[in-house]
Amino acid sequence: MERYLTLLRCEPLLRRLSLIQLLAYFGAWFSNVAIYTLLIQMGADATTIALVAALHFLPGVFQAPLSGVILDRIHPKKLMILLTFIEIVCTLSLISVDNIGMLGFLYLLVFIRMGASSFHFTVEMSLLPRILEGKSLQAANEIHSMIWSLSYTLGMALSGLVVYWVGVTTAFLLDAGLFVIVLFLLSTITIEVELSPNGSKMGTMMKEAFSYIRQNPIVYHLMILHAILGFTAFDALVALAAKHYYSQIIAVSLGIGLLNASRAVGLVIGPMVLGHWINNARLGWLFFAGGVGIALWAIVIDNFYASLAASVAVGFVTTTLWSYTYTLLQHHTHSDFYGRVIAYNDMIFLGVGAFVSLLIGYLARSGISLGMITLLLASAFLMASLYYVWIGRRYVLREIE
């Protein structure tokens, strides 16, 4: 923990970006429980819930080719201000959705809102390697991954309490208020970075990026390895478990919130324990441990209290896996291609997340138990550990120093 605090003290820009990230990502996920609660109240089925979960990931898939070029040409501060404004408008618009006939409008708002959120995330992650390097970059990625994970899970946990106490509409209003604070902080920040001059057309820049990735296979292998973390897109699984298994014990919104809060505990303490331990030689074992943690949850998923404990184990290795694979990718990417490579990496990661969300809904509707679905997700991590061994035998991975 001390190394994170030291880095934040020594890097004022990182400190301000971390605060902005905490509020922005917390806001992005805060109203999710309100959305899922609203869907359940309106009688939405498993497929609809899974589709809404997938819509949280799909925007990043479709916008990545264009956003990657934009990141390498437009100043990050301007982009983040615009994206935050879009999130405010979409969040306030969610208040008007009050019946199943407005599902189409809900889909559109979620798509645009999460598109802006994922773009905001990509902007920050492409900015970090421009201001930091080596172990400092790894620590910064760990800080940001902890913030993302904490915002992702704890945001939904607190939202569960807010929805239970004061209702869906108030949750949306509070969420919009968080984005207003983010907008103010962004307007006062100073970001001094130089983008590589590139007068090429957007289409040409895309081709250059794809050519660079094709000529550097270690880059796309690391992108695929990082994308395995998309199998932790548990939104639909948690919502369905709360609906089918826990609703007799606790309110659905509270069940979703508490399960995500438990996972947040593991997500935050994991890198504090594993950050010094992780290196290239141990990464494969960490993927294996991630699979074991998810398999444990699969066994007890129908038991609310056991699931709370298992969720801590599920989250414990996730943040470190996410941040270390991200750092490896940044470490092996030329600075001229940071924006485009990071955007395409997020495209693959979010595509996997969307696929997993839809798969959960399809399998649940087909009668497959949630426990068996969770075991399927666990197997992806076990396969990833073998994939990493294969990568290590074919390529030389530079250590992060």
Protein backbone atom coordinates (compact mmCIF):
# COMPACT_ATOMS: atom_id res chain seq x y z
CA MET A 1 0.00 0.00 0.00
CA GLU A 2 2.89 2.33 0.81
CA ARG A 3 4.26 2.22 -2.75
CA TYR A 4 0.88 3.36 -4.11
CA LEU A 5 0.69 6.26 -1.66
CA THR A 6 4.29 7.26 -2.42
CA LEU A 7 3.62 7.27 -6.15
CA LEU A 8 0.48 9.37 -5.72
CA ARG A 9 2.38 11.86 -3.56
CA CYS A 10 5.17 12.17 -6.12
CA GLU A 11 2.92 12.36 -9.19
CA PRO A 12 0.30 15.14 -8.82
CA LEU A 13 -1.15 14.51 -12.29
CA LEU A 14 -1.65 10.83 -11.52
CA ARG A 15 -3.23 11.81 -8.19
CA ARG A 16 -5.76 14.09 -9.88
CA LEU A 17 -6.45 11.56 -12.66
CA SER A 18 -7.04 8.87 -10.04
CA LEU A 19 -9.61 11.02 -8.26
CA ILE A 20 -11.35 11.78 -11.55
CA GLN A 21 -11.27 8.12 -12.45
CA LEU A 22 -12.74 7.09 -9.10
CA LEU A 23 -15.71 9.44 -9.49
CA ALA A 24 -16.21 8.83 -13.22
CA TYR A 25 -16.14 5.03 -13.03
CA PHE A 26 -18.14 4.98 -9.82
CA GLY A 27 -20.76 7.09 -11.60
CA ALA A 28 -20.67 4.81 -14.64
CA TRP A 29 -21.63 1.77 -12.59
CA PHE A 30 -23.60 3.37 -9.76
CA SER A 31 -26.96 3.34 -11.53
CA ASN A 32 -26.53 -0.19 -12.86
CA VAL A 33 -28.42 -1.77 -9.97
CA ALA A 34 -31.21 0.74 -10.60
CA ILE A 35 -31.30 -0.38 -14.23
CA TYR A 36 -31.38 -4.10 -13.36
CA THR A 37 -33.92 -3.52 -10.58
CA LEU A 38 -36.08 -1.57 -13.03
CA LEU A 39 -35.87 -4.41 -15.56
CA ILE A 40 -36.90 -6.99 -12.95
CA GLN A 41 -39.76 -4.78 -11.76
CA MET A 42 -40.97 -4.49 -15.36
CA GLY A 43 -40.91 -8.29 -15.76
CA ALA A 44 -37.88 -8.56 -18.07
CA ASP A 45 -36.67 -12.11 -18.79
CA ALA A 46 -33.12 -13.52 -18.58
CA THR A 47 -32.36 -12.70 -22.22
CA THR A 48 -33.28 -9.04 -21.78
CA ILE A 49 -31.18 -8.73 -18.61
CA ALA A 50 -28.23 -10.36 -20.38
CA LEU A 51 -28.63 -8.05 -23.38
CA VAL A 52 -28.52 -4.97 -21.15
CA ALA A 53 -25.40 -6.37 -19.49
CA ALA A 54 -23.85 -6.90 -22.93
CA LEU A 55 -24.70 -3.33 -23.93
CA HIS A 56 -22.31 -2.17 -21.22
CA PHE A 57 -19.47 -3.70 -23.25
CA LEU A 58 -20.50 -3.53 -26.91
CA PRO A 59 -19.96 0.24 -27.44
CA GLY A 60 -16.24 -0.14 -26.80
CA VAL A 61 -16.10 -2.85 -29.45
CA PHE A 62 -17.70 -0.77 -32.19
CA GLN A 63 -15.98 2.52 -31.45
CA ALA A 64 -12.43 1.20 -30.93
CA PRO A 65 -11.15 1.54 -34.54
CA LEU A 66 -12.15 5.20 -34.59
CA SER A 67 -11.36 6.00 -30.96
CA GLY A 68 -7.83 4.62 -31.30
CA VAL A 69 -7.06 7.14 -34.04
CA ILE A 70 -8.74 9.96 -32.10
CA LEU A 71 -6.61 9.17 -29.04
CA ASP A 72 -3.41 9.63 -31.04
CA ARG A 73 -4.58 12.94 -32.52
CA ILE A 74 -6.76 14.86 -29.99
CA HIS A 75 -5.72 16.12 -26.55
CA PRO A 76 -7.03 13.85 -23.74
CA LYS A 77 -8.50 16.68 -21.64
CA LYS A 78 -10.85 17.78 -24.44
CA LEU A 79 -11.98 14.21 -24.97
CA MET A 80 -12.71 13.55 -21.29
CA ILE A 81 -14.75 16.75 -20.91
CA LEU A 82 -16.92 15.87 -23.93
CA LEU A 83 -17.42 12.28 -22.79
CA THR A 84 -18.43 13.35 -19.27
CA PHE A 85 -21.06 15.72 -20.68
CA ILE A 86 -22.53 12.85 -22.71
CA GLU A 87 -22.71 10.68 -19.58
CA ILE A 88 -24.62 13.41 -17.71
CA VAL A 89 -27.25 13.75 -20.46
CA CYS A 90 -27.76 9.98 -20.81
CA THR A 91 -27.98 9.38 -17.05
CA LEU A 92 -30.66 12.04 -16.59
CA SER A 93 -32.57 10.63 -19.57
CA LEU A 94 -32.82 7.22 -17.85
CA ILE A 95 -35.34 8.77 -15.44
CA SER A 96 -37.96 8.80 -18.21
CA VAL A 97 -37.91 4.99 -18.66
CA ASP A 98 -40.85 3.58 -16.68
CA ASN A 99 -42.39 0.70 -18.67
CA ILE A 100 -41.40 -2.31 -20.76
CA GLY A 101 -42.48 -0.53 -23.93
CA MET A 102 -39.49 1.81 -23.56
CA LEU A 103 -36.89 -0.96 -23.69
CA GLY A 104 -35.57 0.29 -27.03
CA PHE A 105 -34.90 3.73 -25.56
CA LEU A 106 -33.24 2.12 -22.53
CA TYR A 107 -30.97 0.07 -24.80
CA LEU A 108 -29.95 3.23 -26.67
CA LEU A 109 -29.18 5.20 -23.51
CA VAL A 110 -27.14 2.38 -21.98
CA PHE A 111 -25.23 1.93 -25.24
CA ILE A 112 -24.32 5.62 -25.60
CA ARG A 113 -23.62 6.11 -21.90
CA MET A 114 -21.30 3.12 -21.57
CA GLY A 115 -19.68 3.99 -24.89
CA ALA A 116 -18.66 7.33 -23.39
CA SER A 117 -17.53 5.61 -20.19
CA SER A 118 -15.37 3.01 -21.96
CA PHE A 119 -13.86 5.73 -24.16
CA HIS A 120 -13.05 7.75 -21.03
CA PHE A 121 -11.29 4.71 -19.58
CA THR A 122 -9.28 4.18 -22.77
CA VAL A 123 -8.22 7.84 -22.78
CA GLU A 124 -6.76 7.49 -19.28
CA MET A 125 -5.06 4.15 -19.94
CA SER A 126 -3.41 5.48 -23.11
CA LEU A 127 -2.28 8.57 -21.17
CA LEU A 128 -0.50 6.67 -18.37
CA PRO A 129 2.40 5.28 -20.48
CA ARG A 130 3.01 8.81 -21.78
CA ILE A 131 3.72 10.10 -18.26
CA LEU A 132 5.12 7.01 -16.46
CA GLU A 133 7.23 3.94 -17.20
CA GLY A 134 8.55 0.70 -15.68
CA LYS A 135 7.51 -0.18 -12.14
CA SER A 136 5.85 3.22 -11.74
CA LEU A 137 3.63 2.43 -14.71
CA GLN A 138 2.83 -1.01 -13.25
CA ALA A 139 1.90 0.57 -9.90
CA ALA A 140 -0.22 3.21 -11.66
CA ASN A 141 -2.03 0.49 -13.59
CA GLU A 142 -2.63 -1.36 -10.33
CA ILE A 143 -4.02 1.81 -8.76
CA HIS A 144 -6.32 2.39 -11.71
CA SER A 145 -7.39 -1.23 -11.88
CA MET A 146 -8.22 -1.16 -8.16
CA ILE A 147 -10.19 2.04 -8.71
CA TRP A 148 -11.99 0.51 -11.71
CA SER A 149 -12.73 -2.67 -9.80
CA LEU A 150 -13.81 -0.82 -6.68
CA SER A 151 -16.01 1.52 -8.72
CA TYR A 152 -17.44 -1.38 -10.72
CA THR A 153 -18.45 -3.48 -7.74
CA LEU A 154 -18.76 -1.08 -4.82
CA GLY A 155 -20.63 1.40 -7.01
CA MET A 156 -23.26 -1.23 -7.65
CA ALA A 157 -23.20 -2.28 -4.00
CA LEU A 158 -23.97 1.22 -2.72
CA SER A 159 -26.45 1.68 -5.51
CA GLY A 160 -28.27 -1.38 -4.22
CA LEU A 161 -28.74 0.34 -0.88
CA VAL A 162 -29.78 3.62 -2.49
CA VAL A 163 -32.33 1.91 -4.74
CA TYR A 164 -33.70 -0.04 -1.78
CA TRP A 165 -34.03 3.08 0.39
CA VAL A 166 -35.04 5.87 -2.00
CA GLY A 167 -35.85 4.28 -5.36
CA VAL A 168 -34.63 4.17 -8.94
CA THR A 169 -35.19 7.82 -9.88
CA THR A 170 -33.13 9.20 -6.99
CA ALA A 171 -30.29 6.83 -7.87
CA PHE A 172 -30.18 8.27 -11.40
CA LEU A 173 -30.19 11.85 -10.05
CA LEU A 174 -27.35 11.14 -7.62
CA ASP A 175 -25.41 9.46 -10.42
CA ALA A 176 -25.73 12.51 -12.68
CA GLY A 177 -24.49 14.65 -9.78
CA LEU A 178 -21.27 12.63 -9.62
CA PHE A 179 -20.62 13.33 -13.30
CA VAL A 180 -21.14 17.06 -12.72
CA ILE A 181 -18.35 16.93 -10.12
CA VAL A 182 -16.13 15.08 -12.61
CA LEU A 183 -16.81 17.76 -15.22
CA PHE A 184 -15.69 20.46 -12.78
CA LEU A 185 -12.48 18.60 -11.87
CA LEU A 186 -11.62 18.05 -15.54
CA SER A 187 -12.07 21.73 -16.31
CA THR A 188 -9.36 22.62 -13.75
CA ILE A 189 -6.76 19.94 -14.56
CA THR A 190 -3.56 20.59 -16.54
CA ILE A 191 -2.34 17.77 -18.77
CA GLU A 192 0.95 18.46 -20.56
CA VAL A 193 1.55 15.71 -23.10
CA GLU A 194 2.82 15.81 -26.66
CA LEU A 195 1.09 13.68 -29.25
CA SER A 196 3.22 12.39 -32.09
CA PRO A 197 2.54 14.53 -35.17
CA ASN A 198 0.71 12.43 -37.73
CA GLY A 199 -0.90 14.07 -40.71
CA SER A 200 -2.20 10.81 -42.13
CA LYS A 201 -5.89 10.26 -42.72
CA MET A 202 -7.81 8.21 -40.17
CA GLY A 203 -8.10 5.23 -42.50
CA THR A 204 -4.35 5.26 -43.04
CA MET A 205 -3.66 5.46 -39.32
CA MET A 206 -5.91 2.45 -38.73
CA LYS A 207 -4.03 0.47 -41.37
CA GLU A 208 -0.71 1.49 -39.84
CA ALA A 209 -1.86 0.23 -36.44
CA PHE A 210 -3.10 -3.11 -37.78
CA SER A 211 0.15 -3.51 -39.71
CA TYR A 212 2.16 -2.77 -36.57
CA ILE A 213 0.20 -5.34 -34.56
CA ARG A 214 0.54 -7.94 -37.32
CA GLN A 215 4.30 -7.43 -37.47
CA ASN A 216 4.60 -7.71 -33.69
CA PRO A 217 2.76 -10.93 -32.76
CA ILE A 218 3.66 -10.61 -29.07
CA VAL A 219 1.36 -7.57 -29.00
CA TYR A 220 -1.73 -9.39 -30.21
CA HIS A 221 -1.00 -12.41 -28.02
CA LEU A 222 -0.90 -10.10 -25.00
CA MET A 223 -4.15 -8.49 -26.16
CA ILE A 224 -5.82 -11.91 -26.28
CA LEU A 225 -4.40 -12.85 -22.88
CA HIS A 226 -5.74 -9.64 -21.34
CA ALA A 227 -9.13 -10.25 -22.97
CA ILE A 228 -9.55 -13.43 -20.91
CA LEU A 229 -10.39 -11.09 -18.03
CA GLY A 230 -13.60 -10.35 -19.94
CA PHE A 231 -14.85 -13.68 -18.59
CA THR A 232 -15.32 -11.90 -15.26
CA ALA A 233 -18.28 -9.97 -16.74
CA PHE A 234 -20.58 -11.35 -14.04
CA ASP A 235 -23.32 -8.67 -14.16
CA ALA A 236 -25.98 -10.89 -15.70
CA LEU A 237 -24.93 -13.86 -13.57
CA VAL A 238 -25.19 -11.87 -10.33
CA ALA A 239 -28.56 -10.38 -11.31
CA LEU A 240 -29.96 -13.81 -12.23
CA ALA A 241 -28.61 -15.41 -9.05
CA ALA A 242 -30.23 -12.65 -6.98
CA LYS A 243 -33.51 -13.18 -8.83
CA HIS A 244 -33.64 -17.00 -8.68
CA TYR A 245 -31.71 -17.95 -5.53
CA TYR A 246 -31.61 -15.03 -3.10
CA SER A 247 -34.93 -13.21 -3.53
CA GLN A 248 -36.53 -15.28 -0.75
CA ILE A 249 -33.79 -14.17 1.64
CA ILE A 250 -33.13 -10.56 0.67
CA ALA A 251 -34.41 -7.86 -1.69
CA VAL A 252 -33.06 -8.28 -5.22
CA SER A 253 -31.31 -4.88 -5.26
CA LEU A 254 -29.63 -5.60 -1.91
CA GLY A 255 -28.60 -9.08 -3.05
CA ILE A 256 -26.93 -7.69 -6.16
CA GLY A 257 -25.29 -4.94 -4.15
CA LEU A 258 -23.93 -7.12 -1.35
CA LEU A 259 -22.57 -9.75 -3.72
CA ASN A 260 -20.69 -7.08 -5.64
CA ALA A 261 -19.48 -5.50 -2.39
CA SER A 262 -17.96 -8.84 -1.35
CA ARG A 263 -16.22 -9.12 -4.67
CA ALA A 264 -14.92 -5.56 -4.24
CA VAL A 265 -13.14 -6.60 -1.04
CA GLY A 266 -11.13 -9.19 -2.97
CA LEU A 267 -10.52 -6.83 -5.88
CA VAL A 268 -9.01 -4.15 -3.65
CA ILE A 269 -6.90 -6.24 -1.26
CA GLY A 270 -5.63 -8.58 -4.00
CA PRO A 271 -3.02 -6.26 -5.57
CA MET A 272 -1.87 -5.09 -2.13
CA VAL A 273 -0.87 -8.68 -1.42
CA LEU A 274 0.12 -9.82 -4.92
CA GLY A 275 1.57 -6.62 -6.43
CA HIS A 276 5.13 -7.28 -5.17
CA TRP A 277 4.88 -11.03 -5.85
CA ILE A 278 3.69 -11.05 -9.45
CA ASN A 279 6.19 -11.34 -12.31
CA ASN A 280 6.34 -12.94 -15.73
CA ALA A 281 7.20 -16.38 -14.37
CA ARG A 282 4.24 -16.41 -11.96
CA LEU A 283 1.53 -14.98 -14.19
CA GLY A 284 0.39 -18.39 -15.46
CA TRP A 285 -0.13 -19.63 -11.91
CA LEU A 286 -2.23 -16.58 -11.14
CA PHE A 287 -4.54 -17.35 -14.06
CA PHE A 288 -4.87 -20.89 -12.70
CA ALA A 289 -5.75 -19.52 -9.26
CA GLY A 290 -8.39 -17.29 -10.85
CA GLY A 291 -10.04 -20.34 -12.39
CA VAL A 292 -10.04 -22.13 -9.05
CA GLY A 293 -11.68 -19.14 -7.35
CA ILE A 294 -14.48 -18.97 -9.91
CA ALA A 295 -14.99 -22.75 -9.71
CA LEU A 296 -15.39 -22.41 -5.94
CA TRP A 297 -18.11 -19.82 -6.47
CA ALA A 298 -19.84 -22.15 -8.96
CA ILE A 299 -20.14 -24.84 -6.30
CA VAL A 300 -21.86 -22.58 -3.76
CA ILE A 301 -23.66 -20.07 -6.03
CA ASP A 302 -27.13 -21.14 -4.88
CA ASN A 303 -26.24 -20.30 -1.26
CA PHE A 304 -26.30 -16.54 -0.64
CA TYR A 305 -23.97 -16.44 2.36
CA ALA A 306 -21.45 -18.88 0.89
CA SER A 307 -21.53 -16.86 -2.34
CA LEU A 308 -20.55 -13.74 -0.42
CA ALA A 309 -17.43 -15.50 0.84
CA ALA A 310 -16.65 -17.06 -2.53
CA SER A 311 -16.95 -13.67 -4.23
CA VAL A 312 -13.98 -12.42 -2.21
CA ALA A 313 -11.89 -15.28 -3.61
CA VAL A 314 -13.13 -14.55 -7.13
CA GLY A 315 -12.03 -10.94 -6.89
CA PHE A 316 -8.72 -11.55 -5.11
CA VAL A 317 -6.60 -12.30 -8.21
CA THR A 318 -8.64 -10.42 -10.82
CA THR A 319 -7.22 -6.94 -10.30
CA THR A 320 -3.61 -8.11 -10.37
CA LEU A 321 -4.21 -10.18 -13.50
CA TRP A 322 -5.89 -7.23 -15.18
CA SER A 323 -3.23 -4.65 -14.29
CA TYR A 324 -0.21 -6.87 -14.97
CA THR A 325 -1.38 -8.03 -18.40
CA TYR A 326 -2.23 -4.40 -19.26
CA THR A 327 1.24 -3.28 -18.19
CA LEU A 328 2.87 -6.05 -20.24
CA LEU A 329 0.99 -4.83 -23.30
CA GLN A 330 1.99 -1.20 -22.72
CA HIS A 331 5.57 -2.33 -22.06
CA HIS A 332 5.77 -4.11 -25.43
CA THR A 333 4.06 -1.36 -27.49
CA HIS A 334 5.83 1.51 -29.25
CA SER A 335 4.76 4.93 -27.97
CA ASP A 336 3.56 6.05 -31.43
CA PHE A 337 0.84 3.41 -31.25
CA TYR A 338 -0.26 3.69 -27.60
CA GLY A 339 -3.69 5.13 -28.36
CA ARG A 340 -4.58 2.75 -31.16
CA VAL A 341 -3.21 -0.42 -29.55
CA ILE A 342 -4.88 0.35 -26.22
CA ALA A 343 -8.17 1.08 -28.00
CA TYR A 344 -8.03 -2.17 -29.97
CA ASN A 345 -7.07 -4.05 -26.81
CA ASP A 346 -10.12 -2.64 -25.05
CA MET A 347 -12.21 -3.56 -28.10
CA ILE A 348 -11.26 -7.23 -27.74
CA PHE A 349 -11.66 -7.17 -23.95
CA LEU A 350 -15.09 -5.55 -24.13
CA GLY A 351 -16.10 -7.86 -26.97
CA VAL A 352 -15.36 -10.85 -24.77
CA GLY A 353 -17.32 -9.22 -21.93
CA ALA A 354 -20.32 -8.67 -24.21
CA PHE A 355 -20.11 -12.24 -25.53
CA VAL A 356 -19.96 -13.66 -22.00
CA SER A 357 -22.97 -11.58 -20.91
CA LEU A 358 -25.04 -12.79 -23.86
CA LEU A 359 -23.82 -16.37 -23.36
CA ILE A 360 -24.94 -16.32 -19.71
CA GLY A 361 -28.43 -15.19 -20.76
CA TYR A 362 -28.68 -17.77 -23.56
CA LEU A 363 -27.49 -20.67 -21.40
CA ALA A 364 -29.75 -19.67 -18.48
CA ARG A 365 -32.77 -19.47 -20.78
CA SER A 366 -31.83 -22.89 -22.19
CA GLY A 367 -32.13 -24.41 -18.74
CA ILE A 368 -28.43 -24.66 -17.87
CA SER A 369 -27.90 -24.09 -14.14
CA LEU A 370 -26.07 -20.96 -13.02
CA GLY A 371 -23.51 -23.16 -11.27
CA MET A 372 -22.66 -24.97 -14.51
CA ILE A 373 -22.44 -21.64 -16.36
CA THR A 374 -20.01 -20.36 -13.74
CA LEU A 375 -17.87 -23.50 -14.11
CA LEU A 376 -17.69 -22.77 -17.84
CA LEU A 377 -16.32 -19.31 -17.08
CA ALA A 378 -13.76 -20.84 -14.71
CA SER A 379 -12.48 -23.11 -17.48
CA ALA A 380 -11.50 -20.06 -19.55
CA PHE A 381 -8.97 -19.08 -16.88
CA LEU A 382 -7.54 -22.58 -16.70
CA MET A 383 -7.08 -22.51 -20.48
CA ALA A 384 -5.49 -19.05 -20.21
CA SER A 385 -2.81 -20.42 -17.88
CA LEU A 386 -1.85 -22.97 -20.56
CA TYR A 387 -1.98 -20.29 -23.27
CA TYR A 388 0.45 -18.15 -21.29
CA VAL A 389 2.87 -21.07 -20.98
CA TRP A 390 2.72 -21.43 -24.78
CA ILE A 391 3.40 -17.70 -25.25
CA GLY A 392 6.42 -17.89 -22.92
CA ARG A 393 7.92 -20.73 -24.95
CA ARG A 394 7.55 -18.94 -28.29
CA TYR A 395 8.39 -15.34 -27.37
CA VAL A 396 10.72 -13.44 -25.08
CA LEU A 397 8.71 -11.32 -22.65
CA ARG A 398 10.63 -8.40 -21.18
CA GLU A 399 10.39 -8.08 -17.41
CA ILE A 400 8.79 -4.92 -16.02
CA GLU A 401 11.57 -3.04 -14.21
